[in-house]
Structure formats: structure tokens, C-alpha cells
Amino acid sequence: MNLIFLQATGTDQAVGFGLVAVSLIIFTYYTTWVILLPFIDSQHVIHKYFLPRAYAVLLPLAAGLLLLLFVGLFITYVLLKSQKVTKKAQ
């Protein structure tokens, strides 16, 4: 069995690096916001760089709901497209 492994182009590598960098920044910000910030005095200047704590739950919840919405829309689109192809074949 002969397998061909394709090399990632420079653009693919740049996009991948960008996605990893953005993910690391978001992870670091969120971890600092949720885990470390409660242990820092509320009058400290660092608190002005973070949103109120209520958003720590609301933002991931909204992101998860949007993700579910887009996955549901994609599945619906694929199923409807599949039904149209099946009807044409008959």
C-alpha cells in the first residue's frame, strides 16, 4: 500500500501558527481572568484589563451556543442537499 503524505505549504503553516497563537492568547487571558484574578486584591490596577466576572460564564456559554447553532445549520444543509440529490436520481 502506497501512502502519499502531502507537505503543508507556507500559507498553511502560517495559518496554523496564527490559530495556535490566538488560542494561546485566549487561553492565557481566560485562565488569568478566572483562576488568578480572584486571589488578587480588587483595588489592584490589573482588574481594569479584565471584564466583570459574570462574563466569565456568559462568553463561553454564548460561544458554545453559537457553535451548536452552526453545527446544526451545517447538518441541516447537508441533509437537505442530500435529499435533493436523491429526488433527482429517482
PDB file of N, CA and C in Angstrom:
ATOM      1  N   MET A   1       0.841  -1.177   0.000  1.00  0.00           N
ATOM      2  CA  MET A   1       0.000   0.000   0.000  1.00  0.00           C
ATOM      3  C   MET A   1       0.885   1.238   0.000  1.00  0.00           C
ATOM      4  N   ASN A   2       0.643   2.124  -0.922  1.00  0.00           N
ATOM      5  CA  ASN A   2       1.475   3.302  -1.085  1.00  0.00           C
ATOM      6  C   ASN A   2       0.719   4.531  -0.592  1.00  0.00           C
ATOM      7  N   LEU A   3       1.197   5.138   0.479  1.00  0.00           N
ATOM      8  CA  LEU A   3       0.566   6.336   1.037  1.00  0.00           C
ATOM      9  C   LEU A   3       1.349   7.566   0.630  1.00  0.00           C
ATOM     10  N   ILE A   4       0.639   8.587   0.238  1.00  0.00           N
ATOM     11  CA  ILE A   4       1.279   9.846  -0.135  1.00  0.00           C
ATOM     12  C   ILE A   4       1.010  10.855   0.971  1.00  0.00           C
ATOM     13  N   PHE A   5       2.075  11.404   1.522  1.00  0.00           N
ATOM     14  CA  PHE A   5       1.952  12.420   2.558  1.00  0.00           C
ATOM     15  C   PHE A   5       2.231  13.776   1.933  1.00  0.00           C
ATOM     16  N   LEU A   6       1.274  14.663   2.013  1.00  0.00           N
ATOM     17  CA  LEU A   6       1.420  15.985   1.435  1.00  0.00           C
ATOM     18  C   LEU A   6       2.046  16.926   2.456  1.00  0.00           C
ATOM     19  N   GLN A   7       2.955  17.728   1.982  1.00  0.00           N
ATOM     20  CA  GLN A   7       3.601  18.711   2.839  1.00  0.00           C
ATOM     21  C   GLN A   7       2.709  19.952   2.935  1.00  0.00           C
ATOM     22  N   ALA A   8       2.671  20.552   4.108  1.00  0.00           N
ATOM     23  CA  ALA A   8       1.911  21.782   4.293  1.00  0.00           C
ATOM     24  C   ALA A   8       2.647  22.929   3.600  1.00  0.00           C
ATOM     25  N   THR A   9       1.893  23.762   2.920  1.00  0.00           N
ATOM     26  CA  THR A   9       2.502  24.918   2.267  1.00  0.00           C
ATOM     27  C   THR A   9       2.825  25.983   3.306  1.00  0.00           C
ATOM     28  N   GLY A  10       3.519  26.999   2.874  1.00  0.00           N
ATOM     29  CA  GLY A  10       3.860  28.098   3.777  1.00  0.00           C
ATOM     30  C   GLY A  10       2.630  28.794   4.314  1.00  0.00           C
ATOM     31  N   THR A  11       1.603  28.929   3.472  1.00  0.00           N
ATOM     32  CA  THR A  11       0.362  29.570   3.901  1.00  0.00           C
ATOM     33  C   THR A  11      -0.325  28.721   4.967  1.00  0.00           C
ATOM     34  N   ASP A  12      -0.364  27.411   4.747  1.00  0.00           N
ATOM     35  CA  ASP A  12      -0.969  26.511   5.733  1.00  0.00           C
ATOM     36  C   ASP A  12      -0.251  26.605   7.071  1.00  0.00           C
ATOM     37  N   GLN A  13       1.059  26.656   7.019  1.00  0.00           N
ATOM     38  CA  GLN A  13       1.833  26.752   8.252  1.00  0.00           C
ATOM     39  C   GLN A  13       1.602  28.087   8.952  1.00  0.00           C
ATOM     40  N   ALA A  14       1.504  29.160   8.183  1.00  0.00           N
ATOM     41  CA  ALA A  14       1.272  30.486   8.774  1.00  0.00           C
ATOM     42  C   ALA A  14      -0.111  30.549   9.423  1.00  0.00           C
ATOM     43  N   VAL A  15      -1.114  30.000   8.740  1.00  0.00           N
ATOM     44  CA  VAL A  15      -2.465  29.992   9.299  1.00  0.00           C
ATOM     45  C   VAL A  15      -2.501  29.128  10.555  1.00  0.00           C
ATOM     46  N   GLY A  16      -1.858  27.981  10.514  1.00  0.00           N
ATOM     47  CA  GLY A  16      -1.801  27.111  11.689  1.00  0.00           C
ATOM     48  C   GLY A  16      -1.111  27.786  12.862  1.00  0.00           C
ATOM     49  N   PHE A  17       0.010  28.442  12.578  1.00  0.00           N
ATOM     50  CA  PHE A  17       0.719  29.155  13.638  1.00  0.00           C
ATOM     51  C   PHE A  17      -0.151  30.264  14.218  1.00  0.00           C
ATOM     52  N   GLY A  18      -0.866  30.986  13.345  1.00  0.00           N
ATOM     53  CA  GLY A  18      -1.751  32.056  13.810  1.00  0.00           C
ATOM     54  C   GLY A  18      -2.858  31.519  14.700  1.00  0.00           C
ATOM     55  N   LEU A  19      -3.456  30.393  14.299  1.00  0.00           N
ATOM     56  CA  LEU A  19      -4.523  29.800  15.111  1.00  0.00           C
ATOM     57  C   LEU A  19      -4.002  29.351  16.475  1.00  0.00           C
ATOM     58  N   VAL A  20      -2.824  28.758  16.493  1.00  0.00           N
ATOM     59  CA  VAL A  20      -2.238  28.329  17.762  1.00  0.00           C
ATOM     60  C   VAL A  20      -1.918  29.545  18.631  1.00  0.00           C
ATOM     61  N   ALA A  21      -1.390  30.600  18.032  1.00  0.00           N
ATOM     62  CA  ALA A  21      -1.058  31.809  18.796  1.00  0.00           C
ATOM     63  C   ALA A  21      -2.308  32.447  19.397  1.00  0.00           C
ATOM     64  N   VAL A  22      -3.371  32.571  18.594  1.00  0.00           N
ATOM     65  CA  VAL A  22      -4.620  33.157  19.099  1.00  0.00           C
ATOM     66  C   VAL A  22      -5.203  32.288  20.211  1.00  0.00           C
ATOM     67  N   SER A  23      -5.155  30.977  20.033  1.00  0.00           N
ATOM     68  CA  SER A  23      -5.661  30.069  21.067  1.00  0.00           C
ATOM     69  C   SER A  23      -4.873  30.210  22.366  1.00  0.00           C
ATOM     70  N   LEU A  24      -3.569  30.333  22.264  1.00  0.00           N
ATOM     71  CA  LEU A  24      -2.741  30.509  23.466  1.00  0.00           C
ATOM     72  C   LEU A  24      -3.047  31.827  24.173  1.00  0.00           C
ATOM     73  N   ILE A  25      -3.246  32.880  23.400  1.00  0.00           N
ATOM     74  CA  ILE A  25      -3.568  34.174  23.999  1.00  0.00           C
ATOM     75  C   ILE A  25      -4.910  34.115  24.722  1.00  0.00           C
ATOM     76  N   ILE A  26      -5.912  33.525  24.069  1.00  0.00           N
ATOM     77  CA  ILE A  26      -7.238  33.410  24.693  1.00  0.00           C
ATOM     78  C   ILE A  26      -7.167  32.535  25.939  1.00  0.00           C
ATOM     79  N   PHE A  27      -6.456  31.414  25.849  1.00  0.00           N
ATOM     80  CA  PHE A  27      -6.324  30.519  26.999  1.00  0.00           C
ATOM     81  C   PHE A  27      -5.643  31.222  28.172  1.00  0.00           C
ATOM     82  N   THR A  28      -4.569  31.944  27.895  1.00  0.00           N
ATOM     83  CA  THR A  28      -3.843  32.649  28.953  1.00  0.00           C
ATOM     84  C   THR A  28      -4.714  33.736  29.587  1.00  0.00           C
ATOM     85  N   TYR A  29      -5.408  34.505  28.758  1.00  0.00           N
ATOM     86  CA  TYR A  29      -6.285  35.568  29.268  1.00  0.00           C
ATOM     87  C   TYR A  29      -7.389  34.968  30.139  1.00  0.00           C
ATOM     88  N   TYR A  30      -8.060  33.946  29.626  1.00  0.00           N
ATOM     89  CA  TYR A  30      -9.187  33.362  30.359  1.00  0.00           C
ATOM     90  C   TYR A  30      -8.725  32.702  31.661  1.00  0.00           C
ATOM     91  N   THR A  31      -7.597  31.994  31.608  1.00  0.00           N
ATOM     92  CA  THR A  31      -7.074  31.346  32.813  1.00  0.00           C
ATOM     93  C   THR A  31      -6.711  32.383  33.871  1.00  0.00           C
ATOM     94  N   THR A  32      -6.061  33.455  33.446  1.00  0.00           N
ATOM     95  CA  THR A  32      -5.716  34.521  34.387  1.00  0.00           C
ATOM     96  C   THR A  32      -6.978  35.153  34.961  1.00  0.00           C
ATOM     97  N   TRP A  33      -7.948  35.390  34.105  1.00  0.00           N
ATOM     98  CA  TRP A  33      -9.202  36.035  34.494  1.00  0.00           C
ATOM     99  C   TRP A  33      -9.980  35.209  35.493  1.00  0.00           C
ATOM    100  N   VAL A  34     -10.093  33.910  35.262  1.00  0.00           N
ATOM    101  CA  VAL A  34     -10.961  33.062  36.074  1.00  0.00           C
ATOM    102  C   VAL A  34     -10.243  32.465  37.280  1.00  0.00           C
ATOM    103  N   ILE A  35      -8.976  32.092  37.121  1.00  0.00           N
ATOM    104  CA  ILE A  35      -8.291  31.370  38.195  1.00  0.00           C
ATOM    105  C   ILE A  35      -7.432  32.284  39.060  1.00  0.00           C
ATOM    106  N   LEU A  36      -6.693  33.194  38.452  1.00  0.00           N
ATOM    107  CA  LEU A  36      -5.761  34.005  39.242  1.00  0.00           C
ATOM    108  C   LEU A  36      -6.371  35.295  39.794  1.00  0.00           C
ATOM    109  N   LEU A  37      -7.246  35.922  39.030  1.00  0.00           N
ATOM    110  CA  LEU A  37      -7.786  37.220  39.425  1.00  0.00           C
ATOM    111  C   LEU A  37      -8.543  37.221  40.756  1.00  0.00           C
ATOM    112  N   PRO A  38      -9.277  36.171  41.103  1.00  0.00           N
ATOM    113  CA  PRO A  38      -9.961  36.198  42.405  1.00  0.00           C
ATOM    114  C   PRO A  38      -9.010  36.290  43.604  1.00  0.00           C
ATOM    115  N   PHE A  39      -7.744  35.918  43.409  1.00  0.00           N
ATOM    116  CA  PHE A  39      -6.788  35.961  44.508  1.00  0.00           C
ATOM    117  C   PHE A  39      -6.035  37.282  44.585  1.00  0.00           C
ATOM    118  N   ILE A  40      -6.300  38.184  43.641  1.00  0.00           N
ATOM    119  CA  ILE A  40      -5.646  39.494  43.631  1.00  0.00           C
ATOM    120  C   ILE A  40      -6.629  40.524  44.189  1.00  0.00           C
ATOM    121  N   ASP A  41      -6.117  41.432  44.994  1.00  0.00           N
ATOM    122  CA  ASP A  41      -6.950  42.469  45.624  1.00  0.00           C
ATOM    123  C   ASP A  41      -7.783  43.205  44.572  1.00  0.00           C
ATOM    124  N   SER A  42      -9.046  43.443  44.872  1.00  0.00           N
ATOM    125  CA  SER A  42      -9.966  44.043  43.899  1.00  0.00           C
ATOM    126  C   SER A  42      -9.597  45.481  43.547  1.00  0.00           C
ATOM    127  N   GLN A  43      -8.782  46.135  44.339  1.00  0.00           N
ATOM    128  CA  GLN A  43      -8.350  47.503  44.056  1.00  0.00           C
ATOM    129  C   GLN A  43      -7.099  47.553  43.179  1.00  0.00           C
ATOM    130  N   HIS A  44      -6.510  46.406  42.888  1.00  0.00           N
ATOM    131  CA  HIS A  44      -5.281  46.356  42.092  1.00  0.00           C
ATOM    132  C   HIS A  44      -5.561  46.829  40.668  1.00  0.00           C
ATOM    133  N   VAL A  45      -4.578  47.466  40.047  1.00  0.00           N
ATOM    134  CA  VAL A  45      -4.719  48.039  38.713  1.00  0.00           C
ATOM    135  C   VAL A  45      -4.976  46.984  37.639  1.00  0.00           C
ATOM    136  N   ILE A  46      -4.579  45.749  37.858  1.00  0.00           N
ATOM    137  CA  ILE A  46      -4.750  44.701  36.851  1.00  0.00           C
ATOM    138  C   ILE A  46      -6.220  44.400  36.557  1.00  0.00           C
ATOM    139  N   HIS A  47      -7.089  44.698  37.493  1.00  0.00           N
ATOM    140  CA  HIS A  47      -8.519  44.402  37.317  1.00  0.00           C
ATOM    141  C   HIS A  47      -9.149  45.231  36.192  1.00  0.00           C
ATOM    142  N   LYS A  48      -8.553  46.360  35.844  1.00  0.00           N
ATOM    143  CA  LYS A  48      -9.148  47.187  34.788  1.00  0.00           C
ATOM    144  C   LYS A  48      -8.941  46.576  33.399  1.00  0.00           C
ATOM    145  N   TYR A  49      -8.073  45.578  33.271  1.00  0.00           N
ATOM    146  CA  TYR A  49      -7.827  44.933  31.984  1.00  0.00           C
ATOM    147  C   TYR A  49      -8.734  43.728  31.731  1.00  0.00           C
ATOM    148  N   PHE A  50      -9.602  43.414  32.666  1.00  0.00           N
ATOM    149  CA  PHE A  50     -10.471  42.246  32.543  1.00  0.00           C
ATOM    150  C   PHE A  50     -11.927  42.653  32.670  1.00  0.00           C
ATOM    151  N   LEU A  51     -12.783  41.921  31.984  1.00  0.00           N
ATOM    152  CA  LEU A  51     -14.226  42.146  32.064  1.00  0.00           C
ATOM    153  C   LEU A  51     -14.755  41.725  33.433  1.00  0.00           C
ATOM    154  N   PRO A  52     -15.965  42.157  33.786  1.00  0.00           N
ATOM    155  CA  PRO A  52     -16.568  41.674  35.038  1.00  0.00           C
ATOM    156  C   PRO A  52     -16.696  40.146  35.039  1.00  0.00           C
ATOM    157  N   ARG A  53     -16.686  39.575  36.212  1.00  0.00           N
ATOM    158  CA  ARG A  53     -16.641  38.121  36.354  1.00  0.00           C
ATOM    159  C   ARG A  53     -17.869  37.407  35.787  1.00  0.00           C
ATOM    160  N   ALA A  54     -19.010  38.073  35.710  1.00  0.00           N
ATOM    161  CA  ALA A  54     -20.215  37.449  35.156  1.00  0.00           C
ATOM    162  C   ALA A  54     -19.989  37.009  33.709  1.00  0.00           C
ATOM    163  N   TYR A  55     -19.174  37.753  32.987  1.00  0.00           N
ATOM    164  CA  TYR A  55     -18.888  37.400  31.591  1.00  0.00           C
ATOM    165  C   TYR A  55     -18.030  36.141  31.473  1.00  0.00           C
ATOM    166  N   ALA A  56     -17.377  35.749  32.539  1.00  0.00           N
ATOM    167  CA  ALA A  56     -16.551  34.541  32.508  1.00  0.00           C
ATOM    168  C   ALA A  56     -17.400  33.302  32.244  1.00  0.00           C
ATOM    169  N   VAL A  57     -18.666  33.367  32.578  1.00  0.00           N
ATOM    170  CA  VAL A  57     -19.590  32.262  32.303  1.00  0.00           C
ATOM    171  C   VAL A  57     -20.379  32.536  31.033  1.00  0.00           C
ATOM    172  N   LEU A  58     -20.791  33.778  30.838  1.00  0.00           N
ATOM    173  CA  LEU A  58     -21.653  34.117  29.707  1.00  0.00           C
ATOM    174  C   LEU A  58     -20.947  33.994  28.357  1.00  0.00           C
ATOM    175  N   LEU A  59     -19.699  34.418  28.260  1.00  0.00           N
ATOM    176  CA  LEU A  59     -18.997  34.352  26.982  1.00  0.00           C
ATOM    177  C   LEU A  59     -18.779  32.917  26.485  1.00  0.00           C
ATOM    178  N   PRO A  60     -18.264  31.989  27.310  1.00  0.00           N
ATOM    179  CA  PRO A  60     -18.145  30.609  26.827  1.00  0.00           C
ATOM    180  C   PRO A  60     -19.505  29.979  26.522  1.00  0.00           C
ATOM    181  N   LEU A  61     -20.516  30.337  27.305  1.00  0.00           N
ATOM    182  CA  LEU A  61     -21.862  29.816  27.041  1.00  0.00           C
ATOM    183  C   LEU A  61     -22.362  30.295  25.679  1.00  0.00           C
ATOM    184  N   ALA A  62     -22.189  31.579  25.387  1.00  0.00           N
ATOM    185  CA  ALA A  62     -22.607  32.120  24.091  1.00  0.00           C
ATOM    186  C   ALA A  62     -21.803  31.490  22.955  1.00  0.00           C
ATOM    187  N   ALA A  63     -20.504  31.309  23.162  1.00  0.00           N
ATOM    188  CA  ALA A  63     -19.670  30.680  22.130  1.00  0.00           C
ATOM    189  C   ALA A  63     -20.111  29.239  21.882  1.00  0.00           C
ATOM    190  N   GLY A  64     -20.428  28.525  22.936  1.00  0.00           N
ATOM    191  CA  GLY A  64     -20.899  27.142  22.786  1.00  0.00           C
ATOM    192  C   GLY A  64     -22.232  27.069  22.064  1.00  0.00           C
ATOM    193  N   LEU A  65     -23.135  27.995  22.380  1.00  0.00           N
ATOM    194  CA  LEU A  65     -24.427  28.023  21.694  1.00  0.00           C
ATOM    195  C   LEU A  65     -24.272  28.361  20.218  1.00  0.00           C
ATOM    196  N   LEU A  66     -23.386  29.298  19.911  1.00  0.00           N
ATOM    197  CA  LEU A  66     -23.124  29.622  18.505  1.00  0.00           C
ATOM    198  C   LEU A  66     -22.522  28.433  17.766  1.00  0.00           C
ATOM    199  N   LEU A  67     -21.620  27.734  18.424  1.00  0.00           N
ATOM    200  CA  LEU A  67     -21.025  26.541  17.820  1.00  0.00           C
ATOM    201  C   LEU A  67     -22.096  25.498  17.521  1.00  0.00           C
ATOM    202  N   LEU A  68     -22.966  25.245  18.487  1.00  0.00           N
ATOM    203  CA  LEU A  68     -24.056  24.289  18.265  1.00  0.00           C
ATOM    204  C   LEU A  68     -24.984  24.747  17.146  1.00  0.00           C
ATOM    205  N   LEU A  69     -25.244  26.058  17.075  1.00  0.00           N
ATOM    206  CA  LEU A  69     -26.088  26.594  16.017  1.00  0.00           C
ATOM    207  C   LEU A  69     -25.460  26.338  14.649  1.00  0.00           C
ATOM    208  N   PHE A  70     -24.181  26.639  14.495  1.00  0.00           N
ATOM    209  CA  PHE A  70     -23.522  26.447  13.208  1.00  0.00           C
ATOM    210  C   PHE A  70     -23.405  24.975  12.837  1.00  0.00           C
ATOM    211  N   VAL A  71     -23.152  24.116  13.804  1.00  0.00           N
ATOM    212  CA  VAL A  71     -23.111  22.681  13.520  1.00  0.00           C
ATOM    213  C   VAL A  71     -24.486  22.190  13.087  1.00  0.00           C
ATOM    214  N   GLY A  72     -25.524  22.640  13.767  1.00  0.00           N
ATOM    215  CA  GLY A  72     -26.884  22.262  13.399  1.00  0.00           C
ATOM    216  C   GLY A  72     -27.260  22.760  12.014  1.00  0.00           C
ATOM    217  N   LEU A  73     -26.882  24.006  11.689  1.00  0.00           N
ATOM    218  CA  LEU A  73     -27.155  24.543  10.362  1.00  0.00           C
ATOM    219  C   LEU A  73     -26.403  23.765   9.283  1.00  0.00           C
ATOM    220  N   PHE A  74     -25.176  23.404   9.560  1.00  0.00           N
ATOM    221  CA  PHE A  74     -24.389  22.636   8.597  1.00  0.00           C
ATOM    222  C   PHE A  74     -25.013  21.268   8.361  1.00  0.00           C
ATOM    223  N   ILE A  75     -25.402  20.594   9.427  1.00  0.00           N
ATOM    224  CA  ILE A  75     -26.027  19.270   9.293  1.00  0.00           C
ATOM    225  C   ILE A  75     -27.340  19.383   8.526  1.00  0.00           C
ATOM    226  N   THR A  76     -28.132  20.401   8.836  1.00  0.00           N
ATOM    227  CA  THR A  76     -29.392  20.612   8.119  1.00  0.00           C
ATOM    228  C   THR A  76     -29.132  20.859   6.634  1.00  0.00           C
ATOM    229  N   TYR A  77     -28.143  21.680   6.313  1.00  0.00           N
ATOM    230  CA  TYR A  77     -27.800  21.968   4.921  1.00  0.00           C
ATOM    231  C   TYR A  77     -27.390  20.695   4.185  1.00  0.00           C
ATOM    232  N   VAL A  78     -26.543  19.892   4.809  1.00  0.00           N
ATOM    233  CA  VAL A  78     -26.075  18.658   4.172  1.00  0.00           C
ATOM    234  C   VAL A  78     -27.238  17.692   3.970  1.00  0.00           C
ATOM    235  N   LEU A  79     -28.107  17.553   4.951  1.00  0.00           N
ATOM    236  CA  LEU A  79     -29.251  16.646   4.810  1.00  0.00           C
ATOM    237  C   LEU A  79     -30.207  17.116   3.717  1.00  0.00           C
ATOM    238  N   LEU A  80     -30.490  18.417   3.658  1.00  0.00           N
ATOM    239  CA  LEU A  80     -31.380  18.930   2.613  1.00  0.00           C
ATOM    240  C   LEU A  80     -30.766  18.772   1.227  1.00  0.00           C
ATOM    241  N   LYS A  81     -29.487  19.009   1.115  1.00  0.00           N
ATOM    242  CA  LYS A  81     -28.792  18.832  -0.157  1.00  0.00           C
ATOM    243  C   LYS A  81     -28.811  17.368  -0.573  1.00  0.00           C
ATOM    244  N   SER A  82     -28.644  16.483   0.388  1.00  0.00           N
ATOM    245  CA  SER A  82     -28.664  15.045   0.100  1.00  0.00           C
ATOM    246  C   SER A  82     -30.043  14.609  -0.372  1.00  0.00           C
ATOM    247  N   GLN A  83     -31.086  15.157   0.220  1.00  0.00           N
ATOM    248  CA  GLN A  83     -32.454  14.800  -0.195  1.00  0.00           C
ATOM    249  C   GLN A  83     -32.735  15.289  -1.615  1.00  0.00           C
ATOM    250  N   LYS A  84     -32.223  16.456  -1.980  1.00  0.00           N
ATOM    251  CA  LYS A  84     -32.443  16.970  -3.327  1.00  0.00           C
ATOM    252  C   LYS A  84     -31.749  16.085  -4.373  1.00  0.00           C
ATOM    253  N   VAL A  85     -30.538  15.615  -4.050  1.00  0.00           N
ATOM    254  CA  VAL A  85     -29.822  14.740  -4.960  1.00  0.00           C
ATOM    255  C   VAL A  85     -30.557  13.413  -5.099  1.00  0.00           C
ATOM    256  N   THR A  86     -31.093  12.898  -4.001  1.00  0.00           N
ATOM    257  CA  THR A  86     -31.842  11.627  -4.026  1.00  0.00           C
ATOM    258  C   THR A  86     -33.108  11.778  -4.863  1.00  0.00           C
ATOM    259  N   LYS A  87     -33.809  12.898  -4.757  1.00  0.00           N
ATOM    260  CA  LYS A  87     -35.031  13.125  -5.532  1.00  0.00           C
ATOM    261  C   LYS A  87     -34.719  13.244  -7.023  1.00  0.00           C
ATOM    262  N   LYS A  88     -33.588  13.882  -7.370  1.00  0.00           N
ATOM    263  CA  LYS A  88     -33.214  13.986  -8.773  1.00  0.00           C
ATOM    264  C   LYS A  88     -32.877  12.629  -9.361  1.00  0.00           C
ATOM    265  N   ALA A  89     -32.272  11.754  -8.569  1.00  0.00           N
ATOM    266  CA  ALA A  89     -31.876  10.425  -9.055  1.00  0.00           C
ATOM    267  C   ALA A  89     -33.095   9.552  -9.312  1.00  0.00           C
ATOM    268  N   GLN A  90     -34.202   9.810  -8.662  1.00  0.00           N
ATOM    269  CA  GLN A  90     -35.392   8.971  -8.833  1.00  0.00           C
ATOM    270  C   GLN A  90     -36.127   9.372 -10.014  1.00  0.00           C
TER     271      GLN A  90
END
